[in-house]
Each structure stands twice: as structure tokens, then as C-alpha cells.
PDB file of all heavy atoms in Angstrom:
ATOM      1  N   ARG A   1      45.554 198.130  46.277  1.00  0.00           N
ATOM      2  CA  ARG A   1      44.304 198.247  45.479  1.00  0.00           C
ATOM      3  C   ARG A   1      44.234 197.128  44.545  1.00  0.00           C
ATOM      4  O   ARG A   1      45.237 196.528  44.160  1.00  0.00           O
ATOM      5  CB  ARG A   1      44.202 199.644  44.902  1.00  0.00           C
ATOM      6  CG  ARG A   1      45.288 199.960  43.924  1.00  0.00           C
ATOM      7  CD  ARG A   1      45.119 201.406  43.486  1.00  0.00           C
ATOM      8  NE  ARG A   1      45.325 202.329  44.630  1.00  0.00           N
ATOM      9  CZ  ARG A   1      45.639 203.654  44.367  1.00  0.00           C
ATOM     10  NH1 ARG A   1      45.661 204.092  43.250  1.00  0.00           N
ATOM     11  NH2 ARG A   1      45.883 204.379  45.497  1.00  0.00           N
ATOM     12  N   PRO A   2      43.042 196.869  43.947  1.00  0.00           N
ATOM     13  CA  PRO A   2      42.909 195.877  42.934  1.00  0.00           C
ATOM     14  C   PRO A   2      43.477 196.324  41.605  1.00  0.00           C
ATOM     15  O   PRO A   2      43.503 197.491  41.238  1.00  0.00           O
ATOM     16  CB  PRO A   2      41.394 195.638  42.770  1.00  0.00           C
ATOM     17  CG  PRO A   2      40.733 196.782  43.394  1.00  0.00           C
ATOM     18  CD  PRO A   2      41.751 197.454  44.417  1.00  0.00           C
ATOM     19  N   VAL A   3      44.080 195.302  40.866  1.00  0.00           N
ATOM     20  CA  VAL A   3      44.694 195.566  39.550  1.00  0.00           C
ATOM     21  C   VAL A   3      44.189 194.547  38.662  1.00  0.00           C
ATOM     22  O   VAL A   3      44.096 193.334  38.995  1.00  0.00           O
ATOM     23  CB  VAL A   3      46.235 195.515  39.653  1.00  0.00           C
ATOM     24  CG1 VAL A   3      46.853 195.653  38.302  1.00  0.00           C
ATOM     25  CG2 VAL A   3      46.747 196.574  40.636  1.00  0.00           C
ATOM     26  N   ASP A   4      43.837 194.885  37.367  1.00  0.00           N
ATOM     27  CA  ASP A   4      43.375 193.935  36.355  1.00  0.00           C
ATOM     28  C   ASP A   4      44.596 193.101  35.906  1.00  0.00           C
ATOM     29  O   ASP A   4      45.571 193.681  35.431  1.00  0.00           O
ATOM     30  CB  ASP A   4      42.723 194.671  35.172  1.00  0.00           C
ATOM     31  CG  ASP A   4      41.457 195.254  35.590  1.00  0.00           C
ATOM     32  OD1 ASP A   4      40.772 194.742  36.434  1.00  0.00           O
ATOM     33  OD2 ASP A   4      40.992 196.269  34.914  1.00  0.00           O
ATOM     34  N   THR A   5      44.408 191.758  35.932  1.00  0.00           N
ATOM     35  CA  THR A   5      45.490 190.915  35.494  1.00  0.00           C
ATOM     36  C   THR A   5      45.776 190.990  34.071  1.00  0.00           C
ATOM     37  O   THR A   5      46.826 190.538  33.531  1.00  0.00           O
ATOM     38  CB  THR A   5      45.347 189.478  35.978  1.00  0.00           C
ATOM     39  OG1 THR A   5      44.071 188.988  35.464  1.00  0.00           O
ATOM     40  CG2 THR A   5      45.290 189.338  37.487  1.00  0.00           C
ATOM     41  N   ILE A   6      44.792 191.463  33.286  1.00  0.00           N
ATOM     42  CA  ILE A   6      44.926 191.504  31.757  1.00  0.00           C
ATOM     43  C   ILE A   6      46.150 192.373  31.387  1.00  0.00           C
ATOM     44  O   ILE A   6      46.675 192.207  30.327  1.00  0.00           O
ATOM     45  CB  ILE A   6      43.582 191.989  31.107  1.00  0.00           C
ATOM     46  CG1 ILE A   6      43.636 191.601  29.683  1.00  0.00           C
ATOM     47  CG2 ILE A   6      43.441 193.437  31.301  1.00  0.00           C
ATOM     48  CD1 ILE A   6      42.281 191.753  28.964  1.00  0.00           C
ATOM     49  N   LEU A   7      46.512 193.241  32.293  1.00  0.00           N
ATOM     50  CA  LEU A   7      47.694 194.103  32.066  1.00  0.00           C
ATOM     51  C   LEU A   7      48.944 193.358  31.988  1.00  0.00           C
ATOM     52  O   LEU A   7      50.006 193.792  31.453  1.00  0.00           O
ATOM     53  CB  LEU A   7      47.820 195.181  33.183  1.00  0.00           C
ATOM     54  CG  LEU A   7      46.622 196.178  33.333  1.00  0.00           C
ATOM     55  CD1 LEU A   7      46.744 196.974  34.601  1.00  0.00           C
ATOM     56  CD2 LEU A   7      46.554 197.060  32.118  1.00  0.00           C
ATOM     57  N   GLN A   8      49.048 192.109  32.676  1.00  0.00           N
ATOM     58  CA  GLN A   8      50.196 191.224  32.742  1.00  0.00           C
ATOM     59  C   GLN A   8      51.336 191.805  33.554  1.00  0.00           C
ATOM     60  O   GLN A   8      51.873 191.134  34.457  1.00  0.00           O
ATOM     61  CB  GLN A   8      50.649 190.852  31.368  1.00  0.00           C
ATOM     62  CG  GLN A   8      49.618 190.115  30.504  1.00  0.00           C
ATOM     63  CD  GLN A   8      50.139 189.642  29.184  1.00  0.00           C
ATOM     64  OE1 GLN A   8      51.038 190.276  28.616  1.00  0.00           O
ATOM     65  NE2 GLN A   8      49.608 188.556  28.659  1.00  0.00           N
ATOM     66  N   VAL A   9      51.713 193.071  33.251  1.00  0.00           N
ATOM     67  CA  VAL A   9      52.676 193.733  34.063  1.00  0.00           C
ATOM     68  C   VAL A   9      52.220 195.135  34.396  1.00  0.00           C
ATOM     69  O   VAL A   9      51.631 195.856  33.575  1.00  0.00           O
ATOM     70  CB  VAL A   9      54.094 193.800  33.300  1.00  0.00           C
ATOM     71  CG1 VAL A   9      55.039 194.696  34.063  1.00  0.00           C
ATOM     72  CG2 VAL A   9      54.628 192.491  33.036  1.00  0.00           C
ATOM     73  N   SER A  10      52.325 195.494  35.597  1.00  0.00           N
ATOM     74  CA  SER A  10      52.007 196.875  35.975  1.00  0.00           C
ATOM     75  C   SER A  10      53.114 197.624  36.588  1.00  0.00           C
ATOM     76  O   SER A  10      53.894 197.004  37.388  1.00  0.00           O
ATOM     77  CB  SER A  10      50.840 196.761  37.036  1.00  0.00           C
ATOM     78  OG  SER A  10      50.330 198.037  37.365  1.00  0.00           O
ATOM     79  N   MET A  11      53.411 198.810  36.148  1.00  0.00           N
ATOM     80  CA  MET A  11      54.406 199.657  36.676  1.00  0.00           C
ATOM     81  C   MET A  11      53.782 200.615  37.710  1.00  0.00           C
ATOM     82  O   MET A  11      52.954 201.439  37.323  1.00  0.00           O
ATOM     83  CB  MET A  11      55.118 200.505  35.607  1.00  0.00           C
ATOM     84  CG  MET A  11      55.851 199.581  34.572  1.00  0.00           C
ATOM     85  SD  MET A  11      57.181 198.554  35.234  1.00  0.00           S
ATOM     86  CE  MET A  11      58.388 199.845  35.540  1.00  0.00           C
ATOM     87  N   ILE A  12      54.114 200.519  38.946  1.00  0.00           N
ATOM     88  CA  ILE A  12      53.533 201.232  40.012  1.00  0.00           C
ATOM     89  C   ILE A  12      54.534 202.143  40.680  1.00  0.00           C
ATOM     90  O   ILE A  12      55.531 201.679  41.142  1.00  0.00           O
ATOM     91  CB  ILE A  12      52.799 200.288  41.070  1.00  0.00           C
ATOM     92  CG1 ILE A  12      51.755 199.435  40.386  1.00  0.00           C
ATOM     93  CG2 ILE A  12      52.281 201.047  42.220  1.00  0.00           C
ATOM     94  CD1 ILE A  12      51.113 198.374  41.197  1.00  0.00           C
ATOM     95  N   PRO A  13      54.234 203.457  40.744  1.00  0.00           N
ATOM     96  CA  PRO A  13      55.177 204.316  41.344  1.00  0.00           C
ATOM     97  C   PRO A  13      55.093 204.346  42.884  1.00  0.00           C
ATOM     98  O   PRO A  13      54.025 204.363  43.454  1.00  0.00           O
ATOM     99  CB  PRO A  13      54.750 205.780  40.872  1.00  0.00           C
ATOM    100  CG  PRO A  13      53.330 205.644  40.504  1.00  0.00           C
ATOM    101  CD  PRO A  13      53.081 204.162  40.157  1.00  0.00           C
ATOM    102  N   VAL A  14      56.329 204.214  43.448  1.00  0.00           N
ATOM    103  CA  VAL A  14      56.380 204.248  44.956  1.00  0.00           C
ATOM    104  C   VAL A  14      57.485 205.268  45.266  1.00  0.00           C
ATOM    105  O   VAL A  14      58.255 205.658  44.337  1.00  0.00           O
ATOM    106  CB  VAL A  14      56.676 202.905  45.601  1.00  0.00           C
ATOM    107  CG1 VAL A  14      55.592 201.970  45.382  1.00  0.00           C
ATOM    108  CG2 VAL A  14      57.930 202.340  45.054  1.00  0.00           C
ATOM    109  N   TYR A  15      57.529 205.706  46.494  1.00  0.00           N
ATOM    110  CA  TYR A  15      58.563 206.665  46.882  1.00  0.00           C
ATOM    111  C   TYR A  15      59.285 206.339  48.111  1.00  0.00           C
ATOM    112  O   TYR A  15      58.885 205.568  48.896  1.00  0.00           O
ATOM    113  CB  TYR A  15      57.888 208.127  47.019  1.00  0.00           C
ATOM    114  CG  TYR A  15      56.833 208.134  48.050  1.00  0.00           C
ATOM    115  CD1 TYR A  15      57.073 208.427  49.385  1.00  0.00           C
ATOM    116  CD2 TYR A  15      55.446 207.905  47.719  1.00  0.00           C
ATOM    117  CE1 TYR A  15      56.137 208.434  50.358  1.00  0.00           C
ATOM    118  CE2 TYR A  15      54.494 207.957  48.630  1.00  0.00           C
ATOM    119  CZ  TYR A  15      54.793 208.183  50.019  1.00  0.00           C
ATOM    120  OH  TYR A  15      53.856 208.261  50.972  1.00  0.00           O
ATOM    121  N   GLY A  16      60.446 206.947  48.194  1.00  0.00           N
ATOM    122  CA  GLY A  16      61.314 206.707  49.363  1.00  0.00           C
ATOM    123  C   GLY A  16      62.536 207.533  49.293  1.00  0.00           C
ATOM    124  O   GLY A  16      62.785 208.264  48.383  1.00  0.00           O
ATOM    125  N   ASN A  17      63.456 207.300  50.235  1.00  0.00           N
ATOM    126  CA  ASN A  17      64.783 207.867  50.225  1.00  0.00           C
ATOM    127  C   ASN A  17      65.814 206.846  50.544  1.00  0.00           C
ATOM    128  O   ASN A  17      65.582 205.946  51.331  1.00  0.00           O
ATOM    129  CB  ASN A  17      64.823 209.009  51.266  1.00  0.00           C
ATOM    130  CG  ASN A  17      63.998 210.220  50.920  1.00  0.00           C
ATOM    131  OD1 ASN A  17      62.990 210.476  51.580  1.00  0.00           O
ATOM    132  ND2 ASN A  17      64.401 210.944  49.918  1.00  0.00           N
ATOM    133  N   GLY A  18      66.916 206.935  49.842  1.00  0.00           N
ATOM    134  CA  GLY A  18      68.016 205.967  50.084  1.00  0.00           C
ATOM    135  C   GLY A  18      67.639 204.560  49.618  1.00  0.00           C
ATOM    136  O   GLY A  18      66.810 204.412  48.741  1.00  0.00           O
ATOM    137  N   VAL A  19      68.248 203.567  50.107  1.00  0.00           N
ATOM    138  CA  VAL A  19      68.005 202.135  49.702  1.00  0.00           C
ATOM    139  C   VAL A  19      66.907 201.582  50.611  1.00  0.00           C
ATOM    140  O   VAL A  19      66.983 201.639  51.817  1.00  0.00           O
ATOM    141  CB  VAL A  19      69.295 201.318  49.802  1.00  0.00           C
ATOM    142  CG1 VAL A  19      68.970 199.879  49.482  1.00  0.00           C
ATOM    143  CG2 VAL A  19      70.350 201.891  48.878  1.00  0.00           C
ATOM    144  N   GLN A  20      65.821 201.137  50.031  1.00  0.00           N
ATOM    145  CA  GLN A  20      64.744 200.558  50.774  1.00  0.00           C
ATOM    146  C   GLN A  20      64.384 199.169  50.249  1.00  0.00           C
ATOM    147  O   GLN A  20      64.549 198.880  49.068  1.00  0.00           O
ATOM    148  CB  GLN A  20      63.471 201.351  50.576  1.00  0.00           C
ATOM    149  CG  GLN A  20      63.615 202.885  51.089  1.00  0.00           C
ATOM    150  CD  GLN A  20      63.530 202.966  52.588  1.00  0.00           C
ATOM    151  OE1 GLN A  20      63.117 202.005  53.260  1.00  0.00           O
ATOM    152  NE2 GLN A  20      63.862 204.110  53.091  1.00  0.00           N
ATOM    153  N   GLU A  21      63.838 198.318  51.162  1.00  0.00           N
ATOM    154  CA  GLU A  21      63.347 197.058  50.682  1.00  0.00           C
ATOM    155  C   GLU A  21      61.885 197.240  50.257  1.00  0.00           C
ATOM    156  O   GLU A  21      61.067 197.816  51.018  1.00  0.00           O
ATOM    157  CB  GLU A  21      63.384 196.029  51.841  1.00  0.00           C
ATOM    158  CG  GLU A  21      62.933 194.644  51.438  1.00  0.00           C
ATOM    159  CD  GLU A  21      63.102 193.611  52.566  1.00  0.00           C
ATOM    160  OE1 GLU A  21      62.211 193.569  53.406  1.00  0.00           O
ATOM    161  OE2 GLU A  21      64.087 192.902  52.515  1.00  0.00           O
ATOM    162  N   VAL A  22      61.549 196.794  49.148  1.00  0.00           N
ATOM    163  CA  VAL A  22      60.246 196.899  48.593  1.00  0.00           C
ATOM    164  C   VAL A  22      59.689 195.485  48.452  1.00  0.00           C
ATOM    165  O   VAL A  22      60.243 194.668  47.738  1.00  0.00           O
ATOM    166  CB  VAL A  22      60.243 197.577  47.184  1.00  0.00           C
ATOM    167  CG1 VAL A  22      58.879 197.632  46.534  1.00  0.00           C
ATOM    168  CG2 VAL A  22      60.799 199.060  47.251  1.00  0.00           C
ATOM    169  N   GLN A  23      58.504 195.273  49.108  1.00  0.00           N
ATOM    170  CA  GLN A  23      57.857 193.972  49.076  1.00  0.00           C
ATOM    171  C   GLN A  23      56.566 194.081  48.299  1.00  0.00           C
ATOM    172  O   GLN A  23      55.781 195.051  48.523  1.00  0.00           O
ATOM    173  CB  GLN A  23      57.530 193.577  50.522  1.00  0.00           C
ATOM    174  CG  GLN A  23      58.819 193.275  51.297  1.00  0.00           C
ATOM    175  CD  GLN A  23      58.485 192.985  52.821  1.00  0.00           C
ATOM    176  OE1 GLN A  23      57.921 193.876  53.416  1.00  0.00           O
ATOM    177  NE2 GLN A  23      58.802 191.832  53.248  1.00  0.00           N
ATOM    178  N   ILE A  24      56.269 193.100  47.418  1.00  0.00           N
ATOM    179  CA  ILE A  24      55.096 193.124  46.570  1.00  0.00           C
ATOM    180  C   ILE A  24      54.257 191.938  47.012  1.00  0.00           C
ATOM    181  O   ILE A  24      54.731 190.770  47.004  1.00  0.00           O
ATOM    182  CB  ILE A  24      55.437 193.054  45.134  1.00  0.00           C
ATOM    183  CG1 ILE A  24      56.248 194.225  44.773  1.00  0.00           C
ATOM    184  CG2 ILE A  24      54.123 192.921  44.300  1.00  0.00           C
ATOM    185  CD1 ILE A  24      56.858 194.266  43.392  1.00  0.00           C
ATOM    186  N   TYR A  25      53.024 192.144  47.403  1.00  0.00           N
ATOM    187  CA  TYR A  25      52.056 191.159  47.749  1.00  0.00           C
ATOM    188  C   TYR A  25      51.027 191.094  46.731  1.00  0.00           C
ATOM    189  O   TYR A  25      50.481 192.115  46.318  1.00  0.00           O
ATOM    190  CB  TYR A  25      51.480 191.332  49.167  1.00  0.00           C
ATOM    191  CG  TYR A  25      52.412 191.208  50.305  1.00  0.00           C
ATOM    192  CD1 TYR A  25      53.234 192.212  50.692  1.00  0.00           C
ATOM    193  CD2 TYR A  25      52.321 190.008  51.062  1.00  0.00           C
ATOM    194  CE1 TYR A  25      54.080 192.100  51.821  1.00  0.00           C
ATOM    195  CE2 TYR A  25      53.167 189.898  52.142  1.00  0.00           C
ATOM    196  CZ  TYR A  25      54.037 190.884  52.512  1.00  0.00           C
ATOM    197  OH  TYR A  25      54.876 190.724  53.617  1.00  0.00           O
TER     198      TYR A  25
END
């Protein structure tokens, strides 16, 4: 989804189990 860049940094909750690779586009 779109995010306002004025935030500079966004903390986004994601979920999973164990060790996962998280990719940010």
C-alpha cells in the first residue's frame, strides 16, 4: 500500500514463524 514519505521511517507489522526472509520493495 502507499505510504507518505514525510514519515521518513515506517514501522510495519508483519507476521511469520521461525526465521524468514523479509523483502521490502
